[in-house]
C-alpha cells in the first residue's frame, strides 16, 4: 500500500535539508586541505540545495582527487550519475519553456 505524501510536509522536509546543507557547507568550506571525502560531502550538500552545477564541480573534484580508488569510486560515480541526470532534466525543462 502506497502512502501519499503531504505536500506541505514535503516542502518542510526539503527546506530542512537545504538548511542543514547550508550549515554543512559552512563547516566544509573552512577546511583548508580538502580530501576527496570532503569534496564528496560538498557535492552532497550542493545536491541537497538543488545546486546541481556546484554539485557536479565538487563530485568531479572528488573523483579526480581519489584517483579512481575502488573503495570510493563506485559511490562517487553513482552520485555523479544522479547529478548529471538532474542537470539534464533541468536543461530539458528549460528548453520546453522557451
PDB file of N, CA and C in Angstrom:
ATOM      1  N   UNK A   1       0.838  -1.171   0.000  1.00  0.00           N
ATOM      2  CA  UNK A   1       0.000   0.000   0.000  1.00  0.00           C
ATOM      3  C   UNK A   1       0.894   1.250   0.000  1.00  0.00           C
ATOM      4  N   UNK A   2       0.643   2.119  -0.931  1.00  0.00           N
ATOM      5  CA  UNK A   2       1.439   3.339  -1.056  1.00  0.00           C
ATOM      6  C   UNK A   2       0.753   4.490  -0.336  1.00  0.00           C
ATOM      7  N   UNK A   3       1.538   5.188   0.448  1.00  0.00           N
ATOM      8  CA  UNK A   3       1.019   6.331   1.195  1.00  0.00           C
ATOM      9  C   UNK A   3       1.353   7.620   0.460  1.00  0.00           C
ATOM     10  N   UNK A   4       0.388   8.473   0.282  1.00  0.00           N
ATOM     11  CA  UNK A   4       0.604   9.753  -0.390  1.00  0.00           C
ATOM     12  C   UNK A   4       1.314  10.721   0.551  1.00  0.00           C
ATOM     13  N   UNK A   5       2.230  11.492  -0.013  1.00  0.00           N
ATOM     14  CA  UNK A   5       2.949  12.493   0.765  1.00  0.00           C
ATOM     15  C   UNK A   5       2.095  13.751   0.924  1.00  0.00           C
ATOM     16  N   UNK A   6       2.153  14.314   2.083  1.00  0.00           N
ATOM     17  CA  UNK A   6       1.510  15.601   2.331  1.00  0.00           C
ATOM     18  C   UNK A   6       2.406  16.663   1.697  1.00  0.00           C
ATOM     19  N   UNK A   7       1.903  17.447   0.733  1.00  0.00           N
ATOM     20  CA  UNK A   7       2.751  18.423   0.035  1.00  0.00           C
ATOM     21  C   UNK A   7       3.392  19.446   0.963  1.00  0.00           C
ATOM     22  N   UNK A   8       2.682  19.848   1.985  1.00  0.00           N
ATOM     23  CA  UNK A   8       3.243  20.827   2.926  1.00  0.00           C
ATOM     24  C   UNK A   8       4.384  20.202   3.713  1.00  0.00           C
ATOM     25  N   UNK A   9       4.175  18.972   4.185  1.00  0.00           N
ATOM     26  CA  UNK A   9       5.232  18.278   4.922  1.00  0.00           C
ATOM     27  C   UNK A   9       6.452  18.022   4.039  1.00  0.00           C
ATOM     28  N   UNK A  10       6.203  17.728   2.783  1.00  0.00           N
ATOM     29  CA  UNK A  10       7.303  17.502   1.849  1.00  0.00           C
ATOM     30  C   UNK A  10       8.110  18.781   1.633  1.00  0.00           C
ATOM     31  N   UNK A  11       7.441  19.914   1.483  1.00  0.00           N
ATOM     32  CA  UNK A  11       8.145  21.200   1.335  1.00  0.00           C
ATOM     33  C   UNK A  11       8.947  21.536   2.583  1.00  0.00           C
ATOM     34  N   UNK A  12       8.385  21.257   3.751  1.00  0.00           N
ATOM     35  CA  UNK A  12       9.099  21.499   5.009  1.00  0.00           C
ATOM     36  C   UNK A  12      10.337  20.604   5.115  1.00  0.00           C
ATOM     37  N   UNK A  13      10.183  19.350   4.694  1.00  0.00           N
ATOM     38  CA  UNK A  13      11.321  18.421   4.717  1.00  0.00           C
ATOM     39  C   UNK A  13      12.420  18.913   3.781  1.00  0.00           C
ATOM     40  N   UNK A  14      12.041  19.339   2.579  1.00  0.00           N
ATOM     41  CA  UNK A  14      13.023  19.847   1.622  1.00  0.00           C
ATOM     42  C   UNK A  14      13.731  21.091   2.154  1.00  0.00           C
ATOM     43  N   UNK A  15      12.970  21.980   2.774  1.00  0.00           N
ATOM     44  CA  UNK A  15      13.553  23.189   3.337  1.00  0.00           C
ATOM     45  C   UNK A  15      14.537  22.850   4.447  1.00  0.00           C
ATOM     46  N   UNK A  16      14.200  21.876   5.264  1.00  0.00           N
ATOM     47  CA  UNK A  16      15.092  21.448   6.359  1.00  0.00           C
ATOM     48  C   UNK A  16      16.393  20.881   5.792  1.00  0.00           C
ATOM     49  N   UNK A  17      16.306  20.080   4.732  1.00  0.00           N
ATOM     50  CA  UNK A  17      17.510  19.549   4.089  1.00  0.00           C
ATOM     51  C   UNK A  17      18.395  20.677   3.584  1.00  0.00           C
ATOM     52  N   UNK A  18      17.771  21.687   2.978  1.00  0.00           N
ATOM     53  CA  UNK A  18      18.547  22.809   2.455  1.00  0.00           C
ATOM     54  C   UNK A  18      19.216  23.597   3.581  1.00  0.00           C
ATOM     55  N   UNK A  19      18.526  23.778   4.690  1.00  0.00           N
ATOM     56  CA  UNK A  19      19.107  24.481   5.839  1.00  0.00           C
ATOM     57  C   UNK A  19      20.282  23.698   6.409  1.00  0.00           C
ATOM     58  N   UNK A  20      20.122  22.394   6.536  1.00  0.00           N
ATOM     59  CA  UNK A  20      21.219  21.565   7.042  1.00  0.00           C
ATOM     60  C   UNK A  20      22.395  21.552   6.073  1.00  0.00           C
ATOM     61  N   UNK A  21      22.100  21.569   4.785  1.00  0.00           N
ATOM     62  CA  UNK A  21      23.165  21.619   3.787  1.00  0.00           C
ATOM     63  C   UNK A  21      23.948  22.932   3.903  1.00  0.00           C
ATOM     64  N   UNK A  22      23.245  24.036   4.157  1.00  0.00           N
ATOM     65  CA  UNK A  22      23.928  25.323   4.352  1.00  0.00           C
ATOM     66  C   UNK A  22      24.889  25.266   5.538  1.00  0.00           C
ATOM     67  N   UNK A  23      24.437  24.653   6.630  1.00  0.00           N
ATOM     68  CA  UNK A  23      25.296  24.536   7.817  1.00  0.00           C
ATOM     69  C   UNK A  23      26.514  23.665   7.518  1.00  0.00           C
ATOM     70  N   UNK A  24      26.300  22.566   6.831  1.00  0.00           N
ATOM     71  CA  UNK A  24      27.413  21.675   6.489  1.00  0.00           C
ATOM     72  C   UNK A  24      28.394  22.368   5.539  1.00  0.00           C
ATOM     73  N   UNK A  25      27.866  23.129   4.577  1.00  0.00           N
ATOM     74  CA  UNK A  25      28.745  23.854   3.656  1.00  0.00           C
ATOM     75  C   UNK A  25      29.641  24.834   4.399  1.00  0.00           C
ATOM     76  N   UNK A  26      29.081  25.514   5.380  1.00  0.00           N
ATOM     77  CA  UNK A  26      29.876  26.471   6.164  1.00  0.00           C
ATOM     78  C   UNK A  26      31.040  25.757   6.855  1.00  0.00           C
ATOM     79  N   UNK A  27      30.777  24.590   7.383  1.00  0.00           N
ATOM     80  CA  UNK A  27      31.833  23.823   8.065  1.00  0.00           C
ATOM     81  C   UNK A  27      32.847  23.292   7.052  1.00  0.00           C
ATOM     82  N   UNK A  28      32.364  22.698   5.979  1.00  0.00           N
ATOM     83  CA  UNK A  28      33.255  22.078   4.994  1.00  0.00           C
ATOM     84  C   UNK A  28      34.131  23.105   4.276  1.00  0.00           C
ATOM     85  N   UNK A  29      33.608  24.295   4.026  1.00  0.00           N
ATOM     86  CA  UNK A  29      34.411  25.309   3.339  1.00  0.00           C
ATOM     87  C   UNK A  29      35.532  25.859   4.216  1.00  0.00           C
ATOM     88  N   UNK A  30      35.423  25.660   5.517  1.00  0.00           N
ATOM     89  CA  UNK A  30      36.504  26.114   6.409  1.00  0.00           C
ATOM     90  C   UNK A  30      37.698  25.162   6.396  1.00  0.00           C
ATOM     91  N   UNK A  31      37.539  23.981   5.861  1.00  0.00           N
ATOM     92  CA  UNK A  31      38.649  23.015   5.787  1.00  0.00           C
ATOM     93  C   UNK A  31      39.643  23.513   4.747  1.00  0.00           C
ATOM     94  N   UNK A  32      40.879  23.697   5.173  1.00  0.00           N
ATOM     95  CA  UNK A  32      41.887  24.237   4.261  1.00  0.00           C
ATOM     96  C   UNK A  32      42.405  23.195   3.281  1.00  0.00           C
ATOM     97  N   UNK A  33      42.771  22.027   3.805  1.00  0.00           N
ATOM     98  CA  UNK A  33      43.303  20.968   2.940  1.00  0.00           C
ATOM     99  C   UNK A  33      42.224  19.906   2.775  1.00  0.00           C
ATOM    100  N   UNK A  34      41.472  20.014   1.696  1.00  0.00           N
ATOM    101  CA  UNK A  34      40.330  19.135   1.493  1.00  0.00           C
ATOM    102  C   UNK A  34      40.759  17.798   0.887  1.00  0.00           C
ATOM    103  N   UNK A  35      40.154  16.740   1.387  1.00  0.00           N
ATOM    104  CA  UNK A  35      40.361  15.400   0.847  1.00  0.00           C
ATOM    105  C   UNK A  35      39.231  15.097  -0.130  1.00  0.00           C
ATOM    106  N   UNK A  36      39.340  13.963  -0.789  1.00  0.00           N
ATOM    107  CA  UNK A  36      38.256  13.588  -1.704  1.00  0.00           C
ATOM    108  C   UNK A  36      36.961  13.369  -0.934  1.00  0.00           C
ATOM    109  N   UNK A  37      37.055  12.941   0.330  1.00  0.00           N
ATOM    110  CA  UNK A  37      35.851  12.766   1.141  1.00  0.00           C
ATOM    111  C   UNK A  37      35.146  14.107   1.379  1.00  0.00           C
ATOM    112  N   UNK A  38      35.935  15.152   1.612  1.00  0.00           N
ATOM    113  CA  UNK A  38      35.351  16.483   1.823  1.00  0.00           C
ATOM    114  C   UNK A  38      34.641  16.963   0.555  1.00  0.00           C
ATOM    115  N   UNK A  39      35.264  16.740  -0.601  1.00  0.00           N
ATOM    116  CA  UNK A  39      34.622  17.149  -1.856  1.00  0.00           C
ATOM    117  C   UNK A  39      33.344  16.348  -2.108  1.00  0.00           C
ATOM    118  N   UNK A  40      33.359  15.072  -1.727  1.00  0.00           N
ATOM    119  CA  UNK A  40      32.162  14.232  -1.865  1.00  0.00           C
ATOM    120  C   UNK A  40      31.033  14.777  -0.988  1.00  0.00           C
ATOM    121  N   UNK A  41      31.354  15.143   0.241  1.00  0.00           N
ATOM    122  CA  UNK A  41      30.344  15.723   1.127  1.00  0.00           C
ATOM    123  C   UNK A  41      29.859  17.077   0.608  1.00  0.00           C
ATOM    124  N   UNK A  42      30.769  17.872   0.068  1.00  0.00           N
ATOM    125  CA  UNK A  42      30.366  19.145  -0.545  1.00  0.00           C
ATOM    126  C   UNK A  42      29.398  18.900  -1.705  1.00  0.00           C
ATOM    127  N   UNK A  43      29.683  17.891  -2.501  1.00  0.00           N
ATOM    128  CA  UNK A  43      28.795  17.558  -3.619  1.00  0.00           C
ATOM    129  C   UNK A  43      27.402  17.202  -3.114  1.00  0.00           C
ATOM    130  N   UNK A  44      27.338  16.413  -2.046  1.00  0.00           N
ATOM    131  CA  UNK A  44      26.039  16.064  -1.460  1.00  0.00           C
ATOM    132  C   UNK A  44      25.310  17.313  -0.966  1.00  0.00           C
ATOM    133  N   UNK A  45      26.033  18.203  -0.329  1.00  0.00           N
ATOM    134  CA  UNK A  45      25.402  19.436   0.175  1.00  0.00           C
ATOM    135  C   UNK A  45      24.805  20.255  -0.961  1.00  0.00           C
ATOM    136  N   UNK A  46      25.590  20.475  -2.011  1.00  0.00           N
ATOM    137  CA  UNK A  46      25.075  21.242  -3.145  1.00  0.00           C
ATOM    138  C   UNK A  46      23.897  20.530  -3.801  1.00  0.00           C
ATOM    139  N   UNK A  47      23.973  19.215  -3.875  1.00  0.00           N
ATOM    140  CA  UNK A  47      22.868  18.438  -4.440  1.00  0.00           C
ATOM    141  C   UNK A  47      21.600  18.636  -3.603  1.00  0.00           C
ATOM    142  N   UNK A  48      21.732  18.606  -2.282  1.00  0.00           N
ATOM    143  CA  UNK A  48      20.574  18.805  -1.406  1.00  0.00           C
ATOM    144  C   UNK A  48      19.988  20.207  -1.511  1.00  0.00           C
ATOM    145  N   UNK A  49      20.800  21.156  -1.965  1.00  0.00           N
ATOM    146  CA  UNK A  49      20.323  22.528  -2.163  1.00  0.00           C
ATOM    147  C   UNK A  49      19.804  22.731  -3.592  1.00  0.00           C
ATOM    148  N   UNK A  50      19.815  21.677  -4.389  1.00  0.00           N
ATOM    149  CA  UNK A  50      19.408  21.699  -5.794  1.00  0.00           C
ATOM    150  C   UNK A  50      20.335  22.562  -6.642  1.00  0.00           C
ATOM    151  N   UNK A  51      21.576  22.742  -6.186  1.00  0.00           N
ATOM    152  CA  UNK A  51      22.600  23.447  -6.957  1.00  0.00           C
ATOM    153  C   UNK A  51      23.409  22.364  -7.671  1.00  0.00           C
ATOM    154  N   UNK A  52      22.868  21.893  -8.800  1.00  0.00           N
ATOM    155  CA  UNK A  52      23.470  20.758  -9.480  1.00  0.00           C
ATOM    156  C   UNK A  52      24.775  21.100 -10.172  1.00  0.00           C
ATOM    157  N   UNK A  53      24.944  22.345 -10.588  1.00  0.00           N
ATOM    158  CA  UNK A  53      26.216  22.752 -11.182  1.00  0.00           C
ATOM    159  C   UNK A  53      27.326  22.704 -10.129  1.00  0.00           C
ATOM    160  N   UNK A  54      27.038  23.247  -8.940  1.00  0.00           N
ATOM    161  CA  UNK A  54      28.006  23.190  -7.847  1.00  0.00           C
ATOM    162  C   UNK A  54      28.290  21.757  -7.435  1.00  0.00           C
ATOM    163  N   UNK A  55      27.248  20.951  -7.371  1.00  0.00           N
ATOM    164  CA  UNK A  55      27.412  19.540  -7.012  1.00  0.00           C
ATOM    165  C   UNK A  55      28.284  18.827  -8.031  1.00  0.00           C
ATOM    166  N   UNK A  56      28.062  19.125  -9.298  1.00  0.00           N
ATOM    167  CA  UNK A  56      28.850  18.486 -10.356  1.00  0.00           C
ATOM    168  C   UNK A  56      30.326  18.850 -10.241  1.00  0.00           C
ATOM    169  N   UNK A  57      30.624  20.125  -9.996  1.00  0.00           N
ATOM    170  CA  UNK A  57      32.029  20.545  -9.834  1.00  0.00           C
ATOM    171  C   UNK A  57      32.689  19.810  -8.671  1.00  0.00           C
ATOM    172  N   UNK A  58      31.969  19.691  -7.569  1.00  0.00           N
ATOM    173  CA  UNK A  58      32.541  19.054  -6.379  1.00  0.00           C
ATOM    174  C   UNK A  58      32.743  17.551  -6.578  1.00  0.00           C
ATOM    175  N   UNK A  59      31.788  16.872  -7.223  1.00  0.00           N
ATOM    176  CA  UNK A  59      31.952  15.429  -7.410  1.00  0.00           C
ATOM    177  C   UNK A  59      33.052  15.142  -8.427  1.00  0.00           C
ATOM    178  N   UNK A  60      33.192  16.008  -9.427  1.00  0.00           N
ATOM    179  CA  UNK A  60      34.292  15.858 -10.382  1.00  0.00           C
ATOM    180  C   UNK A  60      35.634  15.976  -9.663  1.00  0.00           C
ATOM    181  N   UNK A  61      35.740  16.949  -8.768  1.00  0.00           N
ATOM    182  CA  UNK A  61      36.971  17.134  -7.998  1.00  0.00           C
ATOM    183  C   UNK A  61      37.218  15.924  -7.099  1.00  0.00           C
ATOM    184  N   UNK A  62      36.178  15.432  -6.446  1.00  0.00           N
ATOM    185  CA  UNK A  62      36.319  14.255  -5.567  1.00  0.00           C
ATOM    186  C   UNK A  62      36.845  13.062  -6.360  1.00  0.00           C
ATOM    187  N   UNK A  63      36.292  12.841  -7.538  1.00  0.00           N
ATOM    188  CA  UNK A  63      36.727  11.715  -8.367  1.00  0.00           C
ATOM    189  C   UNK A  63      38.169  11.898  -8.810  1.00  0.00           C
ATOM    190  N   UNK A  64      38.549  13.113  -9.188  1.00  0.00           N
ATOM    191  CA  UNK A  64      39.929  13.367  -9.609  1.00  0.00           C
ATOM    192  C   UNK A  64      40.902  13.194  -8.454  1.00  0.00           C
ATOM    193  N   UNK A  65      40.524  13.632  -7.265  1.00  0.00           N
ATOM    194  CA  UNK A  65      41.419  13.541  -6.108  1.00  0.00           C
ATOM    195  C   UNK A  65      41.552  12.096  -5.613  1.00  0.00           C
ATOM    196  N   UNK A  66      40.478  11.321  -5.674  1.00  0.00           N
ATOM    197  CA  UNK A  66      40.559   9.939  -5.170  1.00  0.00           C
ATOM    198  C   UNK A  66      41.273   9.017  -6.147  1.00  0.00           C
ATOM    199  N   UNK A  67      41.532   9.502  -7.357  1.00  0.00           N
ATOM    200  CA  UNK A  67      42.292   8.755  -8.369  1.00  0.00           C
ATOM    201  C   UNK A  67      41.703   7.378  -8.646  1.00  0.00           C
ATOM    202  N   UNK A  68      40.382   7.338  -8.691  1.00  0.00           N
ATOM    203  CA  UNK A  68      39.632   6.119  -9.007  1.00  0.00           C
ATOM    204  C   UNK A  68      39.935   4.963  -8.047  1.00  0.00           C
ATOM    205  N   UNK A  69      40.174   5.297  -6.790  1.00  0.00           N
ATOM    206  CA  UNK A  69      40.329   4.287  -5.744  1.00  0.00           C
ATOM    207  C   UNK A  69      39.043   3.456  -5.706  1.00  0.00           C
ATOM    208  N   UNK A  70      39.146   2.146  -5.875  1.00  0.00           N
ATOM    209  CA  UNK A  70      37.928   1.326  -5.950  1.00  0.00           C
ATOM    210  C   UNK A  70      37.058   1.386  -4.696  1.00  0.00           C
ATOM    211  N   UNK A  71      37.633   1.740  -3.571  1.00  0.00           N
ATOM    212  CA  UNK A  71      36.848   1.816  -2.340  1.00  0.00           C
ATOM    213  C   UNK A  71      35.878   2.990  -2.339  1.00  0.00           C
ATOM    214  N   UNK A  72      36.190   4.041  -3.047  1.00  0.00           N
ATOM    215  CA  UNK A  72      35.303   5.210  -3.062  1.00  0.00           C
ATOM    216  C   UNK A  72      34.729   5.502  -4.438  1.00  0.00           C
ATOM    217  N   UNK A  73      35.384   5.048  -5.488  1.00  0.00           N
ATOM    218  CA  UNK A  73      34.995   5.441  -6.840  1.00  0.00           C
ATOM    219  C   UNK A  73      33.556   5.064  -7.182  1.00  0.00           C
ATOM    220  N   UNK A  74      33.101   3.890  -6.787  1.00  0.00           N
ATOM    221  CA  UNK A  74      31.747   3.442  -7.161  1.00  0.00           C
ATOM    222  C   UNK A  74      30.677   4.367  -6.593  1.00  0.00           C
ATOM    223  N   UNK A  75      30.803   4.744  -5.325  1.00  0.00           N
ATOM    224  CA  UNK A  75      29.785   5.623  -4.745  1.00  0.00           C
ATOM    225  C   UNK A  75      29.899   7.034  -5.322  1.00  0.00           C
ATOM    226  N   UNK A  76      31.104   7.476  -5.629  1.00  0.00           N
ATOM    227  CA  UNK A  76      31.285   8.795  -6.217  1.00  0.00           C
ATOM    228  C   UNK A  76      30.677   8.822  -7.623  1.00  0.00           C
ATOM    229  N   UNK A  77      30.920   7.760  -8.393  1.00  0.00           N
ATOM    230  CA  UNK A  77      30.374   7.682  -9.750  1.00  0.00           C
ATOM    231  C   UNK A  77      28.849   7.614  -9.723  1.00  0.00           C
ATOM    232  N   UNK A  78      28.295   6.958  -8.715  1.00  0.00           N
ATOM    233  CA  UNK A  78      26.840   6.870  -8.578  1.00  0.00           C
ATOM    234  C   UNK A  78      26.240   8.252  -8.328  1.00  0.00           C
ATOM    235  N   UNK A  79      26.856   9.024  -7.428  1.00  0.00           N
ATOM    236  CA  UNK A  79      26.369  10.381  -7.168  1.00  0.00           C
ATOM    237  C   UNK A  79      26.536  11.245  -8.418  1.00  0.00           C
ATOM    238  N   UNK A  80      27.648  11.074  -9.108  1.00  0.00           N
ATOM    239  CA  UNK A  80      27.886  11.837 -10.336  1.00  0.00           C
ATOM    240  C   UNK A  80      26.774  11.557 -11.355  1.00  0.00           C
ATOM    241  N   UNK A  81      26.396  10.302 -11.504  1.00  0.00           N
ATOM    242  CA  UNK A  81      25.327   9.934 -12.448  1.00  0.00           C
ATOM    243  C   UNK A  81      24.000  10.587 -12.044  1.00  0.00           C
ATOM    244  N   UNK A  82      23.698  10.595 -10.752  1.00  0.00           N
ATOM    245  CA  UNK A  82      22.475  11.227 -10.262  1.00  0.00           C
ATOM    246  C   UNK A  82      22.479  12.725 -10.575  1.00  0.00           C
ATOM    247  N   UNK A  83      23.602  13.368 -10.346  1.00  0.00           N
ATOM    248  CA  UNK A  83      23.721  14.809 -10.595  1.00  0.00           C
ATOM    249  C   UNK A  83      23.563  15.109 -12.082  1.00  0.00           C
ATOM    250  N   UNK A  84      24.196  14.307 -12.925  1.00  0.00           N
ATOM    251  CA  UNK A  84      24.094  14.514 -14.371  1.00  0.00           C
ATOM    252  C   UNK A  84      22.640  14.357 -14.817  1.00  0.00           C
ATOM    253  N   UNK A  85      21.937  13.381 -14.266  1.00  0.00           N
ATOM    254  CA  UNK A  85      20.524  13.188 -14.592  1.00  0.00           C
ATOM    255  C   UNK A  85      19.709  14.425 -14.224  1.00  0.00           C
ATOM    256  N   UNK A  86      19.975  14.987 -13.043  1.00  0.00           N
ATOM    257  CA  UNK A  86      19.259  16.192 -12.609  1.00  0.00           C
ATOM    258  C   UNK A  86      19.577  17.379 -13.515  1.00  0.00           C
ATOM    259  N   UNK A  87      20.843  17.520 -13.907  1.00  0.00           N
ATOM    260  CA  UNK A  87      21.225  18.609 -14.814  1.00  0.00           C
ATOM    261  C   UNK A  87      20.513  18.470 -16.160  1.00  0.00           C
ATOM    262  N   UNK A  88      20.452  17.242 -16.673  1.00  0.00           N
ATOM    263  CA  UNK A  88      19.781  17.011 -17.955  1.00  0.00           C
ATOM    264  C   UNK A  88      18.289  17.321 -17.857  1.00  0.00           C
ATOM    265  N   UNK A  89      17.642  16.931 -16.758  1.00  0.00           N
ATOM    266  CA  UNK A  89      16.225  17.246 -16.565  1.00  0.00           C
ATOM    267  C   UNK A  89      15.989  18.745 -16.536  1.00  0.00           C
ATOM    268  N   UNK A  90      16.860  19.446 -15.815  1.00  0.00           N
ATOM    269  CA  UNK A  90      16.717  20.900 -15.718  1.00  0.00           C
ATOM    270  C   UNK A  90      16.876  21.555 -17.092  1.00  0.00           C
ATOM    271  N   UNK A  91      17.857  21.099 -17.859  1.00  0.00           N
ATOM    272  CA  UNK A  91      18.072  21.661 -19.200  1.00  0.00           C
ATOM    273  C   UNK A  91      16.889  21.348 -20.108  1.00  0.00           C
ATOM    274  N   UNK A  92      16.332  20.151 -19.980  1.00  0.00           N
ATOM    275  CA  UNK A  92      15.171  19.760 -20.788  1.00  0.00           C
ATOM    276  C   UNK A  92      13.979  20.635 -20.454  1.00  0.00           C
ATOM    277  N   UNK A  93      13.728  20.830 -19.152  1.00  0.00           N
ATOM    278  CA  UNK A  93      12.604  21.671 -18.732  1.00  0.00           C
ATOM    279  C   UNK A  93      12.804  23.117 -19.191  1.00  0.00           C
ATOM    280  N   UNK A  94      14.037  23.579 -19.134  1.00  0.00           N
ATOM    281  CA  UNK A  94      14.363  24.940 -19.571  1.00  0.00           C
ATOM    282  C   UNK A  94      14.054  25.097 -21.062  1.00  0.00           C
ATOM    283  N   UNK A  95      14.433  24.107 -21.835  1.00  0.00           N
ATOM    284  CA  UNK A  95      14.212  24.162 -23.278  1.00  0.00           C
ATOM    285  C   UNK A  95      12.723  24.171 -23.599  1.00  0.00           C
ATOM    286  N   UNK A  96      11.927  23.470 -22.814  1.00  0.00           N
ATOM    287  CA  UNK A  96      10.478  23.419 -23.039  1.00  0.00           C
ATOM    288  C   UNK A  96       9.813  24.763 -22.797  1.00  0.00           C
ATOM    289  N   UNK A  97      10.360  25.544 -21.887  1.00  0.00           N
ATOM    290  CA  UNK A  97       9.756  26.812 -21.509  1.00  0.00           C
ATOM    291  C   UNK A  97      10.227  27.992 -22.352  1.00  0.00           C
ATOM    292  N   UNK A  98      10.989  27.733 -23.365  1.00  0.00           N
ATOM    293  CA  UNK A  98      11.479  28.822 -24.240  1.00  0.00           C
ATOM    294  C   UNK A  98      10.507  29.124 -25.327  1.00  0.00           C
TER     295      UNK A  98
END
